[in-house]
N, C-alpha and C. Protein backbone atom coordinates (compact mmCIF):
# COMPACT_ATOMS: atom_id res chain seq x y z
N ASN A 1 58.12 -1.76 14.05
CA ASN A 1 57.19 -0.88 13.34
C ASN A 1 57.38 0.49 13.81
N TYR A 2 58.01 0.77 14.79
CA TYR A 2 58.11 2.14 15.34
C TYR A 2 58.57 3.16 14.26
N PHE A 3 59.68 2.83 13.56
CA PHE A 3 60.28 3.75 12.59
C PHE A 3 59.32 3.95 11.45
N ILE A 4 58.72 2.85 10.89
CA ILE A 4 57.79 3.02 9.72
C ILE A 4 56.50 3.78 10.13
N ARG A 5 56.14 3.78 11.40
CA ARG A 5 55.01 4.55 11.83
C ARG A 5 55.28 6.01 12.04
N HIS A 6 56.57 6.34 12.16
CA HIS A 6 56.91 7.76 12.59
C HIS A 6 57.73 8.55 11.58
N ILE A 7 58.32 7.75 10.58
CA ILE A 7 59.16 8.43 9.64
C ILE A 7 58.38 8.28 8.21
N PRO A 8 58.26 9.41 7.43
CA PRO A 8 57.53 9.36 6.21
C PRO A 8 58.02 8.13 5.37
N PRO A 9 57.17 7.46 4.69
CA PRO A 9 57.52 6.30 3.82
C PRO A 9 58.48 6.57 2.74
N GLN A 10 58.51 7.80 2.24
CA GLN A 10 59.53 8.09 1.19
C GLN A 10 60.85 8.06 1.72
N GLN A 11 61.06 8.05 3.04
CA GLN A 11 62.45 8.03 3.65
C GLN A 11 62.78 6.63 4.20
N THR A 12 61.88 5.66 4.20
CA THR A 12 62.05 4.37 4.80
C THR A 12 62.25 3.19 3.81
N GLU A 13 62.23 3.49 2.50
CA GLU A 13 62.28 2.39 1.61
C GLU A 13 63.44 1.45 1.74
N ASP A 14 64.68 2.08 1.86
CA ASP A 14 65.95 1.26 2.02
C ASP A 14 65.89 0.53 3.33
N PHE A 15 65.51 1.17 4.33
CA PHE A 15 65.43 0.58 5.69
C PHE A 15 64.48 -0.67 5.65
N CYS A 16 63.34 -0.47 5.08
CA CYS A 16 62.35 -1.57 4.95
C CYS A 16 62.87 -2.74 4.16
N ARG A 17 63.59 -2.47 2.99
CA ARG A 17 64.15 -3.47 2.20
C ARG A 17 65.20 -4.31 3.03
N SER A 18 65.97 -3.58 3.71
CA SER A 18 67.04 -4.25 4.64
C SER A 18 66.41 -5.09 5.71
N ILE A 19 65.39 -4.71 6.39
CA ILE A 19 64.67 -5.46 7.38
C ILE A 19 64.03 -6.65 6.75
N ASP A 20 63.39 -6.48 5.60
CA ASP A 20 62.76 -7.60 4.92
C ASP A 20 63.78 -8.70 4.56
N ALA A 21 64.86 -8.23 4.03
CA ALA A 21 65.94 -9.21 3.63
C ALA A 21 66.43 -9.97 4.88
N GLN A 22 66.61 -9.28 6.06
CA GLN A 22 67.05 -9.95 7.25
C GLN A 22 65.97 -10.96 7.78
N VAL A 23 64.74 -10.59 7.72
CA VAL A 23 63.68 -11.47 8.10
C VAL A 23 63.58 -12.74 7.21
N ASN A 24 63.80 -12.49 5.86
CA ASN A 24 63.81 -13.64 4.90
C ASN A 24 65.02 -14.55 5.25
N GLU A 25 66.09 -14.00 5.60
CA GLU A 25 67.29 -14.79 6.05
C GLU A 25 66.96 -15.69 7.23
N LEU A 26 66.27 -14.99 8.21
CA LEU A 26 65.94 -15.70 9.43
C LEU A 26 64.94 -16.84 9.17
N VAL A 27 63.98 -16.59 8.27
CA VAL A 27 62.96 -17.65 7.80
C VAL A 27 63.73 -18.82 7.16
N ASN A 28 64.78 -18.44 6.35
CA ASN A 28 65.54 -19.50 5.76
C ASN A 28 66.21 -20.41 6.78
N LYS A 29 66.82 -19.74 7.77
CA LYS A 29 67.46 -20.56 8.77
C LYS A 29 66.47 -21.41 9.70
N CYS A 30 65.38 -20.77 10.14
CA CYS A 30 64.41 -21.35 10.92
C CYS A 30 63.73 -22.59 10.25
N PHE A 31 63.50 -22.49 8.96
CA PHE A 31 62.73 -23.49 8.33
C PHE A 31 63.54 -24.37 7.30
N ALA A 32 64.86 -24.03 7.27
CA ALA A 32 65.76 -24.77 6.40
C ALA A 32 65.32 -24.71 4.97
N ILE A 33 64.99 -23.47 4.47
CA ILE A 33 64.51 -23.28 3.12
C ILE A 33 65.32 -22.15 2.55
N ASN A 34 65.14 -21.99 1.23
CA ASN A 34 65.63 -20.78 0.57
C ASN A 34 64.52 -19.83 0.13
N PHE A 35 64.20 -18.91 0.84
CA PHE A 35 63.05 -18.04 0.68
C PHE A 35 62.99 -17.47 -0.73
N GLU A 36 64.10 -17.17 -1.32
CA GLU A 36 64.13 -16.59 -2.61
C GLU A 36 63.79 -17.57 -3.72
N GLU A 37 63.92 -18.81 -3.46
CA GLU A 37 63.66 -19.90 -4.48
C GLU A 37 62.21 -20.28 -4.42
N LEU A 38 61.45 -19.84 -3.37
CA LEU A 38 60.03 -20.20 -3.28
C LEU A 38 59.16 -19.49 -4.38
N SER A 39 58.11 -20.20 -4.69
CA SER A 39 57.16 -19.50 -5.61
C SER A 39 56.48 -18.29 -5.06
N ASP A 40 55.94 -17.48 -5.91
CA ASP A 40 55.22 -16.21 -5.38
C ASP A 40 54.09 -16.68 -4.37
N PHE A 41 53.36 -17.79 -4.84
CA PHE A 41 52.37 -18.34 -4.01
C PHE A 41 52.77 -18.65 -2.69
N ALA A 42 53.90 -19.38 -2.58
CA ALA A 42 54.47 -19.80 -1.29
C ALA A 42 54.90 -18.61 -0.38
N LYS A 43 55.44 -17.68 -1.09
CA LYS A 43 55.88 -16.41 -0.34
C LYS A 43 54.71 -15.72 0.19
N SER A 44 53.59 -15.57 -0.65
CA SER A 44 52.34 -14.94 -0.13
C SER A 44 51.75 -15.68 0.94
N ARG A 45 51.80 -17.01 0.89
CA ARG A 45 51.28 -17.79 1.96
C ARG A 45 51.95 -17.63 3.28
N ILE A 46 53.26 -17.58 3.27
CA ILE A 46 54.12 -17.31 4.39
C ILE A 46 53.75 -15.97 5.06
N ARG A 47 53.44 -15.01 4.28
CA ARG A 47 53.15 -13.67 4.78
C ARG A 47 51.72 -13.43 5.27
N LEU A 48 50.88 -14.51 5.17
CA LEU A 48 49.51 -14.47 5.66
C LEU A 48 49.61 -14.44 7.21
N PRO A 49 48.46 -13.93 7.89
CA PRO A 49 48.38 -14.10 9.28
C PRO A 49 48.36 -15.57 9.75
N ILE A 50 48.76 -15.81 10.89
CA ILE A 50 48.76 -17.21 11.39
C ILE A 50 47.37 -17.81 11.24
N LYS A 51 46.40 -17.10 11.58
CA LYS A 51 44.96 -17.68 11.64
C LYS A 51 44.48 -18.13 10.15
N LEU A 52 45.18 -17.57 9.21
CA LEU A 52 44.92 -17.88 7.78
C LEU A 52 45.82 -18.90 7.13
N GLY A 53 46.71 -19.42 8.02
CA GLY A 53 47.64 -20.48 7.50
C GLY A 53 49.01 -20.01 7.21
N GLY A 54 49.35 -18.81 7.47
CA GLY A 54 50.67 -18.26 7.27
C GLY A 54 51.48 -18.26 8.44
N ILE A 55 52.58 -17.52 8.48
CA ILE A 55 53.46 -17.41 9.70
C ILE A 55 53.38 -16.05 10.22
N GLY A 56 52.64 -15.15 9.65
CA GLY A 56 52.33 -13.90 10.13
C GLY A 56 53.49 -12.88 10.09
N ILE A 57 54.40 -13.03 9.04
CA ILE A 57 55.45 -12.08 8.88
C ILE A 57 55.08 -11.14 7.71
N ARG A 58 54.86 -9.90 7.96
CA ARG A 58 54.50 -8.92 6.95
C ARG A 58 55.74 -8.42 6.16
N GLU A 59 55.58 -7.96 5.01
CA GLU A 59 56.66 -7.39 4.26
C GLU A 59 56.50 -5.90 4.50
N LEU A 60 57.55 -5.32 5.17
CA LEU A 60 57.49 -3.87 5.65
C LEU A 60 57.49 -2.98 4.45
N LEU A 61 58.10 -3.38 3.37
CA LEU A 61 58.16 -2.53 2.16
C LEU A 61 56.69 -2.29 1.66
N LYS A 62 55.89 -3.25 1.81
CA LYS A 62 54.56 -3.09 1.29
C LYS A 62 53.55 -2.44 2.24
N VAL A 63 53.82 -2.51 3.60
CA VAL A 63 52.90 -1.92 4.57
C VAL A 63 53.34 -0.58 5.06
N ARG A 64 54.41 -0.08 4.63
CA ARG A 64 55.00 1.14 5.32
C ARG A 64 54.10 2.41 5.07
N TRP A 65 53.36 2.43 3.90
CA TRP A 65 52.46 3.59 3.70
C TRP A 65 51.32 3.58 4.71
N ALA A 66 50.73 2.40 4.82
CA ALA A 66 49.59 2.23 5.76
C ALA A 66 50.03 2.50 7.22
N GLU A 67 51.18 1.93 7.55
CA GLU A 67 51.66 2.04 8.90
C GLU A 67 51.86 3.56 9.23
N PHE A 68 52.54 4.22 8.30
CA PHE A 68 52.82 5.73 8.60
C PHE A 68 51.52 6.50 8.72
N THR A 69 50.59 6.23 7.84
CA THR A 69 49.25 6.95 7.86
C THR A 69 48.62 6.58 9.24
N GLY A 70 48.68 5.36 9.66
CA GLY A 70 47.99 5.04 10.96
C GLY A 70 48.74 5.73 12.07
N GLY A 71 49.98 5.84 11.99
CA GLY A 71 50.77 6.57 13.05
C GLY A 71 50.44 8.06 13.19
N VAL A 72 50.31 8.66 11.97
CA VAL A 72 49.95 10.00 11.95
C VAL A 72 48.59 10.34 12.46
N VAL A 73 47.65 9.50 12.00
CA VAL A 73 46.29 9.68 12.44
C VAL A 73 46.14 9.48 13.91
N GLU A 74 46.76 8.50 14.45
CA GLU A 74 46.77 8.20 15.87
C GLU A 74 47.39 9.38 16.70
N GLY A 75 48.36 9.98 16.17
CA GLY A 75 48.99 11.10 16.84
C GLY A 75 48.20 12.41 16.74
N ILE A 76 47.47 12.57 15.66
CA ILE A 76 46.75 13.80 15.39
C ILE A 76 45.45 13.89 16.24
N ILE A 77 44.72 12.75 16.24
CA ILE A 77 43.40 12.81 16.91
C ILE A 77 43.40 13.44 18.30
N PRO A 78 44.32 13.10 19.24
CA PRO A 78 44.34 13.85 20.46
C PRO A 78 44.62 15.35 20.44
N LEU A 79 45.04 15.78 19.35
CA LEU A 79 45.35 17.30 19.15
C LEU A 79 44.29 18.06 18.44
N LEU A 80 43.20 17.41 18.01
CA LEU A 80 42.13 18.10 17.32
C LEU A 80 41.15 18.86 18.30
N ASP A 81 40.31 19.74 17.72
CA ASP A 81 39.26 20.39 18.59
C ASP A 81 38.31 19.38 19.06
N LYS A 82 37.78 19.67 20.22
CA LYS A 82 36.91 18.67 20.89
C LYS A 82 35.71 19.42 21.47
N THR A 83 34.59 18.74 21.54
CA THR A 83 33.48 19.22 22.32
C THR A 83 33.32 18.33 23.54
N SER A 84 33.33 18.95 24.70
CA SER A 84 33.14 18.12 25.95
C SER A 84 31.85 18.64 26.69
N ASP A 85 31.66 18.05 27.81
CA ASP A 85 30.54 18.50 28.66
C ASP A 85 30.71 19.90 29.06
N ASN A 86 31.85 20.38 29.16
CA ASN A 86 32.21 21.72 29.55
C ASN A 86 32.28 22.79 28.30
N GLY A 87 31.99 22.24 27.12
CA GLY A 87 31.96 23.08 25.99
C GLY A 87 32.98 22.80 24.94
N PHE A 88 33.38 23.71 24.17
CA PHE A 88 34.28 23.55 23.10
C PHE A 88 35.79 23.71 23.65
N VAL A 89 36.64 22.76 23.22
CA VAL A 89 38.01 22.90 23.67
C VAL A 89 38.80 22.92 22.38
N LYS A 90 39.63 24.04 22.23
CA LYS A 90 40.46 24.30 21.08
C LYS A 90 41.60 23.31 21.10
N GLY A 91 41.79 22.64 19.91
CA GLY A 91 42.96 21.76 19.80
C GLY A 91 44.32 22.48 19.54
N LYS A 92 45.36 21.74 19.60
CA LYS A 92 46.69 22.30 19.45
C LYS A 92 47.10 22.42 17.99
N LEU A 93 46.30 21.77 17.06
CA LEU A 93 46.71 21.84 15.64
C LEU A 93 45.71 22.62 14.80
N GLU A 94 46.30 23.38 13.84
CA GLU A 94 45.44 24.17 12.87
C GLU A 94 45.22 23.24 11.73
N SER A 95 44.07 23.43 11.03
CA SER A 95 43.69 22.51 9.94
C SER A 95 44.70 22.50 8.81
N ALA A 96 45.32 23.66 8.56
CA ALA A 96 46.40 23.67 7.46
C ALA A 96 47.57 22.71 7.81
N HIS A 97 47.91 22.57 9.13
CA HIS A 97 48.95 21.72 9.43
C HIS A 97 48.52 20.29 9.31
N ILE A 98 47.29 19.97 9.58
CA ILE A 98 46.69 18.57 9.58
C ILE A 98 46.69 18.24 7.99
N GLU A 99 46.26 19.14 7.19
CA GLU A 99 46.20 19.01 5.73
C GLU A 99 47.59 18.56 5.21
N HIS A 100 48.57 19.17 5.84
CA HIS A 100 50.00 18.85 5.34
C HIS A 100 50.36 17.46 5.57
N TRP A 101 49.87 16.87 6.70
CA TRP A 101 50.24 15.49 7.12
C TRP A 101 49.33 14.41 6.56
N ILE A 102 48.07 14.74 6.41
CA ILE A 102 47.12 13.65 6.00
C ILE A 102 46.17 14.11 4.88
N GLY A 103 46.47 15.23 4.20
CA GLY A 103 45.59 15.66 3.18
C GLY A 103 45.88 14.94 1.83
N GLU A 104 45.14 15.36 0.77
CA GLU A 104 45.16 14.71 -0.48
C GLU A 104 46.56 14.62 -1.12
N LYS A 105 47.42 15.60 -0.90
CA LYS A 105 48.72 15.52 -1.50
C LYS A 105 49.82 15.19 -0.58
N ALA A 106 49.54 14.77 0.61
CA ALA A 106 50.54 14.47 1.62
C ALA A 106 51.57 13.41 1.27
N MET A 107 51.22 12.44 0.49
CA MET A 107 52.08 11.40 0.04
C MET A 107 52.77 11.49 -1.25
N GLU A 108 52.64 12.69 -1.83
CA GLU A 108 53.10 12.88 -3.23
C GLU A 108 54.52 13.44 -3.21
N SER A 109 54.98 14.06 -2.21
CA SER A 109 56.29 14.56 -2.10
C SER A 109 57.32 13.49 -2.08
N GLU A 110 58.48 13.78 -2.62
CA GLU A 110 59.60 12.80 -2.54
C GLU A 110 60.18 12.60 -1.20
N ASP A 111 60.05 13.75 -0.36
CA ASP A 111 60.62 13.75 0.97
C ASP A 111 59.59 13.44 2.06
N GLY A 112 58.36 13.34 1.72
CA GLY A 112 57.40 13.07 2.68
C GLY A 112 56.68 14.45 3.12
N PRO A 113 55.74 14.26 3.93
CA PRO A 113 54.93 15.52 4.42
C PRO A 113 55.82 16.46 5.14
């Protein structure tokens, strides 16, 4: 997940497809099945968390946007302005830069933020 959390999703589509295909091949070998021949219901069930009856394998292609957004937010929070017991502490990021990464239009570019 490191790459999809740190590289804009517009640039990771092919990478995610490749990883997903390799994971499907591994599932084929481990369970002696042909993943591509399974029904959509069966594929969805496999992708569920273990506690819900699946095997806990997520499809990276579908979660890459959420993963990237989570990675950006996680990285930005420590850099924001803070108020502490000693008063106001200026953060390292300006609001315009934050808007670029997580603002309303951040995911609309073909190349990413």
